[in-house]
Amino acid sequence: MLAFFSVAPSDHWEHMSLYVAKSLEIIQLSGLSYQLGPMGTTVEGEPEAVFELIKKVHIHMRQYSKRISTMVKVDDDVTRPSGRLQGKVASVKEKLGKS
């Protein structure tokens, strides 16, 4: 499963890098493959592990704000093997003629 998500304290929109860094510490400890993007993070893993991670990041963010906004987009394709996190990007680059 791939999941793109963003967890943000709603009263700190202008300076998010500190909160992103704190979230990445939790993501790194999870052991799941991940890719940081400018508007969120994509993780890859089994559904239970992915959803548990998103929950942990959301709960952790509560210590910084009384209102948290969490957005999640899931691609759960059970017919495809793992490794899609890098594979999807590589496929597009290949079609563009880039390595």
N, C-alpha and C. Protein backbone atom coordinates (compact mmCIF):
# COMPACT_ATOMS: atom_id res chain seq x y z
N MET A 1 0.83 -1.17 0.00
CA MET A 1 0.00 0.00 0.00
C MET A 1 0.88 1.24 0.00
N LEU A 2 0.49 2.22 -0.79
CA LEU A 2 1.10 3.54 -0.75
C LEU A 2 0.10 4.49 -0.10
N ALA A 3 0.60 5.38 0.74
CA ALA A 3 -0.26 6.40 1.33
C ALA A 3 0.48 7.73 1.34
N PHE A 4 -0.15 8.73 0.76
CA PHE A 4 0.34 10.09 0.81
C PHE A 4 -0.41 10.78 1.93
N PHE A 5 0.34 11.43 2.82
CA PHE A 5 -0.37 12.11 3.91
C PHE A 5 0.34 13.38 4.35
N SER A 6 -0.44 14.23 4.96
CA SER A 6 0.04 15.49 5.50
C SER A 6 -0.66 15.71 6.84
N VAL A 7 0.12 15.99 7.87
CA VAL A 7 -0.42 16.28 9.20
C VAL A 7 0.09 17.65 9.59
N ALA A 8 -0.84 18.58 9.85
CA ALA A 8 -0.42 19.96 10.10
C ALA A 8 -1.17 20.56 11.27
N PRO A 9 -0.44 21.22 12.17
CA PRO A 9 -1.11 21.99 13.22
C PRO A 9 -1.72 23.24 12.57
N SER A 10 -3.01 23.41 12.71
CA SER A 10 -3.69 24.46 11.94
C SER A 10 -3.34 25.88 12.38
N ASP A 11 -2.68 26.04 13.51
CA ASP A 11 -2.32 27.39 13.95
C ASP A 11 -0.84 27.70 13.70
N HIS A 12 -0.17 26.90 12.88
CA HIS A 12 1.24 27.12 12.56
C HIS A 12 1.50 26.98 11.06
N TRP A 13 0.61 27.46 10.20
CA TRP A 13 0.72 27.25 8.76
C TRP A 13 1.94 27.90 8.13
N GLU A 14 2.43 28.98 8.68
CA GLU A 14 3.51 29.71 8.02
C GLU A 14 4.89 29.08 8.21
N HIS A 15 5.10 28.37 9.28
CA HIS A 15 6.42 27.82 9.58
C HIS A 15 6.28 26.33 9.88
N MET A 16 6.20 25.52 8.84
CA MET A 16 5.89 24.11 8.99
C MET A 16 7.12 23.21 9.11
N SER A 17 8.30 23.66 8.74
CA SER A 17 9.45 22.76 8.65
C SER A 17 9.78 22.10 10.00
N LEU A 18 9.62 22.79 11.09
CA LEU A 18 9.88 22.19 12.41
C LEU A 18 8.94 21.00 12.65
N TYR A 19 7.68 21.15 12.29
CA TYR A 19 6.68 20.10 12.52
C TYR A 19 6.87 18.94 11.54
N VAL A 20 7.29 19.26 10.33
CA VAL A 20 7.61 18.21 9.36
C VAL A 20 8.79 17.39 9.88
N ALA A 21 9.81 18.06 10.40
CA ALA A 21 10.98 17.35 10.94
C ALA A 21 10.58 16.44 12.09
N LYS A 22 9.72 16.91 12.97
CA LYS A 22 9.27 16.08 14.09
C LYS A 22 8.47 14.87 13.59
N SER A 23 7.68 15.06 12.56
CA SER A 23 6.93 13.95 11.97
C SER A 23 7.87 12.95 11.31
N LEU A 24 8.91 13.45 10.63
CA LEU A 24 9.86 12.55 9.96
C LEU A 24 10.63 11.68 10.95
N GLU A 25 10.86 12.19 12.13
CA GLU A 25 11.51 11.36 13.16
C GLU A 25 10.66 10.12 13.44
N ILE A 26 9.36 10.30 13.56
CA ILE A 26 8.43 9.19 13.81
C ILE A 26 8.39 8.26 12.60
N ILE A 27 8.34 8.83 11.41
CA ILE A 27 8.29 8.04 10.18
C ILE A 27 9.56 7.19 10.04
N GLN A 28 10.71 7.77 10.30
CA GLN A 28 11.97 7.03 10.21
C GLN A 28 12.00 5.86 11.20
N LEU A 29 11.51 6.08 12.40
CA LEU A 29 11.48 5.01 13.40
C LEU A 29 10.55 3.87 13.02
N SER A 30 9.58 4.14 12.16
CA SER A 30 8.62 3.10 11.77
C SER A 30 9.27 2.01 10.92
N GLY A 31 10.36 2.34 10.24
CA GLY A 31 11.00 1.38 9.36
C GLY A 31 10.35 1.27 7.99
N LEU A 32 9.26 2.01 7.76
CA LEU A 32 8.61 1.98 6.45
C LEU A 32 9.40 2.82 5.45
N SER A 33 9.34 2.42 4.19
CA SER A 33 9.93 3.23 3.14
C SER A 33 9.10 4.49 3.00
N TYR A 34 9.77 5.62 2.77
CA TYR A 34 9.03 6.86 2.65
C TYR A 34 9.73 7.80 1.68
N GLN A 35 8.97 8.78 1.21
CA GLN A 35 9.52 9.82 0.35
C GLN A 35 8.89 11.14 0.78
N LEU A 36 9.72 12.06 1.21
CA LEU A 36 9.26 13.39 1.60
C LEU A 36 9.02 14.22 0.35
N GLY A 37 7.90 14.93 0.33
CA GLY A 37 7.59 15.83 -0.77
C GLY A 37 7.33 17.23 -0.23
N PRO A 38 7.14 18.19 -1.09
CA PRO A 38 6.94 19.56 -0.64
C PRO A 38 5.60 19.80 0.04
N MET A 39 4.62 18.93 -0.20
CA MET A 39 3.29 19.13 0.36
C MET A 39 2.83 17.97 1.23
N GLY A 40 3.69 16.98 1.45
CA GLY A 40 3.33 15.82 2.25
C GLY A 40 4.37 14.73 2.08
N THR A 41 4.09 13.59 2.68
CA THR A 41 5.00 12.46 2.65
C THR A 41 4.26 11.22 2.16
N THR A 42 4.93 10.41 1.35
CA THR A 42 4.37 9.15 0.90
C THR A 42 5.10 8.02 1.60
N VAL A 43 4.35 7.07 2.14
CA VAL A 43 4.94 5.90 2.79
C VAL A 43 4.43 4.64 2.10
N GLU A 44 5.20 3.56 2.23
CA GLU A 44 4.82 2.29 1.64
C GLU A 44 4.92 1.20 2.70
N GLY A 45 3.91 0.35 2.76
CA GLY A 45 3.93 -0.76 3.71
C GLY A 45 2.59 -1.47 3.76
N GLU A 46 2.51 -2.40 4.70
CA GLU A 46 1.24 -3.11 4.90
C GLU A 46 0.21 -2.14 5.48
N PRO A 47 -1.06 -2.30 5.13
CA PRO A 47 -2.08 -1.35 5.57
C PRO A 47 -2.08 -1.06 7.08
N GLU A 48 -1.97 -2.09 7.90
CA GLU A 48 -2.00 -1.89 9.35
C GLU A 48 -0.86 -0.98 9.80
N ALA A 49 0.33 -1.22 9.26
CA ALA A 49 1.50 -0.42 9.63
C ALA A 49 1.38 1.01 9.13
N VAL A 50 0.88 1.18 7.93
CA VAL A 50 0.74 2.51 7.35
C VAL A 50 -0.26 3.34 8.15
N PHE A 51 -1.44 2.77 8.42
CA PHE A 51 -2.45 3.52 9.15
C PHE A 51 -2.03 3.78 10.60
N GLU A 52 -1.32 2.84 11.21
CA GLU A 52 -0.82 3.05 12.57
C GLU A 52 0.19 4.20 12.58
N LEU A 53 1.04 4.27 11.58
CA LEU A 53 2.02 5.36 11.49
C LEU A 53 1.32 6.71 11.36
N ILE A 54 0.35 6.80 10.46
CA ILE A 54 -0.37 8.06 10.28
C ILE A 54 -1.04 8.47 11.58
N LYS A 55 -1.63 7.52 12.28
CA LYS A 55 -2.26 7.80 13.58
C LYS A 55 -1.23 8.34 14.58
N LYS A 56 -0.05 7.71 14.64
CA LYS A 56 1.01 8.16 15.57
C LYS A 56 1.44 9.59 15.28
N VAL A 57 1.62 9.90 14.00
CA VAL A 57 2.04 11.25 13.64
C VAL A 57 0.95 12.25 14.01
N HIS A 58 -0.30 11.90 13.75
CA HIS A 58 -1.42 12.79 14.08
C HIS A 58 -1.49 13.04 15.59
N ILE A 59 -1.44 11.98 16.38
CA ILE A 59 -1.51 12.10 17.84
C ILE A 59 -0.32 12.91 18.37
N HIS A 60 0.86 12.65 17.82
CA HIS A 60 2.06 13.37 18.25
C HIS A 60 1.90 14.88 18.03
N MET A 61 1.30 15.25 16.91
CA MET A 61 1.16 16.66 16.56
C MET A 61 0.24 17.40 17.53
N ARG A 62 -0.59 16.69 18.27
CA ARG A 62 -1.49 17.33 19.24
C ARG A 62 -0.75 18.11 20.30
N GLN A 63 0.49 17.76 20.59
CA GLN A 63 1.21 18.50 21.62
C GLN A 63 1.62 19.89 21.15
N TYR A 64 1.52 20.16 19.85
CA TYR A 64 1.90 21.45 19.30
C TYR A 64 0.72 22.33 18.94
N SER A 65 -0.47 21.76 18.92
CA SER A 65 -1.64 22.52 18.50
C SER A 65 -2.91 21.90 19.05
N LYS A 66 -3.92 22.72 19.24
CA LYS A 66 -5.22 22.22 19.70
C LYS A 66 -6.09 21.77 18.53
N ARG A 67 -5.64 22.06 17.31
CA ARG A 67 -6.41 21.67 16.12
C ARG A 67 -5.44 21.18 15.05
N ILE A 68 -5.63 19.93 14.61
CA ILE A 68 -4.75 19.29 13.65
C ILE A 68 -5.54 18.98 12.37
N SER A 69 -4.92 19.24 11.24
CA SER A 69 -5.50 18.89 9.95
C SER A 69 -4.69 17.74 9.36
N THR A 70 -5.35 16.61 9.11
CA THR A 70 -4.68 15.45 8.52
C THR A 70 -5.37 15.07 7.22
N MET A 71 -4.58 14.95 6.16
CA MET A 71 -5.07 14.58 4.86
C MET A 71 -4.38 13.28 4.45
N VAL A 72 -5.16 12.31 3.93
CA VAL A 72 -4.59 11.02 3.54
C VAL A 72 -5.16 10.62 2.18
N LYS A 73 -4.28 10.12 1.31
CA LYS A 73 -4.67 9.55 0.03
C LYS A 73 -3.99 8.19 -0.08
N VAL A 74 -4.78 7.13 -0.32
CA VAL A 74 -4.26 5.76 -0.31
C VAL A 74 -4.39 5.12 -1.68
N ASP A 75 -3.34 4.39 -2.08
CA ASP A 75 -3.34 3.54 -3.27
C ASP A 75 -3.04 2.13 -2.78
N ASP A 76 -4.08 1.33 -2.64
CA ASP A 76 -3.95 -0.03 -2.10
C ASP A 76 -4.19 -1.04 -3.21
N ASP A 77 -3.16 -1.30 -3.99
CA ASP A 77 -3.24 -2.22 -5.12
C ASP A 77 -2.64 -3.57 -4.71
N VAL A 78 -3.48 -4.52 -4.36
CA VAL A 78 -3.01 -5.80 -3.85
C VAL A 78 -2.42 -6.68 -4.95
N THR A 79 -2.57 -6.29 -6.22
CA THR A 79 -2.02 -7.09 -7.32
C THR A 79 -0.58 -6.73 -7.65
N ARG A 80 -0.06 -5.68 -7.03
CA ARG A 80 1.30 -5.23 -7.33
C ARG A 80 2.23 -5.49 -6.15
N PRO A 81 3.46 -5.83 -6.44
CA PRO A 81 4.42 -6.07 -5.35
C PRO A 81 4.85 -4.78 -4.68
N SER A 82 5.60 -4.91 -3.61
CA SER A 82 6.14 -3.73 -2.95
C SER A 82 7.20 -3.10 -3.85
N GLY A 83 7.72 -1.98 -3.44
CA GLY A 83 8.71 -1.28 -4.24
C GLY A 83 8.10 -0.27 -5.18
N ARG A 84 6.82 0.01 -4.99
CA ARG A 84 6.14 0.95 -5.87
C ARG A 84 6.50 2.40 -5.58
N LEU A 85 7.00 2.67 -4.39
CA LEU A 85 7.36 4.04 -4.01
C LEU A 85 8.36 4.62 -5.01
N GLN A 86 9.41 3.89 -5.30
CA GLN A 86 10.39 4.35 -6.27
C GLN A 86 9.98 3.95 -7.69
N GLY A 87 9.30 2.83 -7.83
CA GLY A 87 8.94 2.31 -9.14
C GLY A 87 8.02 3.21 -9.94
N LYS A 88 7.06 3.84 -9.27
CA LYS A 88 6.13 4.73 -9.97
C LYS A 88 6.85 5.94 -10.54
N VAL A 89 7.76 6.51 -9.77
CA VAL A 89 8.53 7.67 -10.23
C VAL A 89 9.48 7.26 -11.35
N ALA A 90 10.14 6.13 -11.19
CA ALA A 90 11.07 5.64 -12.21
C ALA A 90 10.35 5.39 -13.54
N SER A 91 9.14 4.89 -13.48
CA SER A 91 8.36 4.63 -14.70
C SER A 91 8.09 5.91 -15.47
N VAL A 92 7.74 6.97 -14.78
CA VAL A 92 7.49 8.25 -15.43
C VAL A 92 8.78 8.80 -16.04
N LYS A 93 9.88 8.75 -15.27
CA LYS A 93 11.16 9.25 -15.77
C LYS A 93 11.60 8.48 -17.02
N GLU A 94 11.35 7.18 -17.02
CA GLU A 94 11.71 6.35 -18.18
C GLU A 94 10.94 6.82 -19.41
N LYS A 95 9.67 7.11 -19.24
CA LYS A 95 8.85 7.55 -20.36
C LYS A 95 9.27 8.95 -20.86
N LEU A 96 9.89 9.71 -19.97
CA LEU A 96 10.41 11.03 -20.36
C LEU A 96 11.81 10.93 -20.96
N GLY A 97 12.39 9.73 -20.92
CA GLY A 97 13.73 9.53 -21.44
C GLY A 97 14.82 9.95 -20.48
N LYS A 98 14.49 9.97 -19.19
CA LYS A 98 15.46 10.34 -18.16
C LYS A 98 15.73 9.14 -17.26
N SER A 99 16.94 9.10 -16.70
CA SER A 99 17.25 7.99 -15.79
C SER A 99 17.06 8.39 -14.36
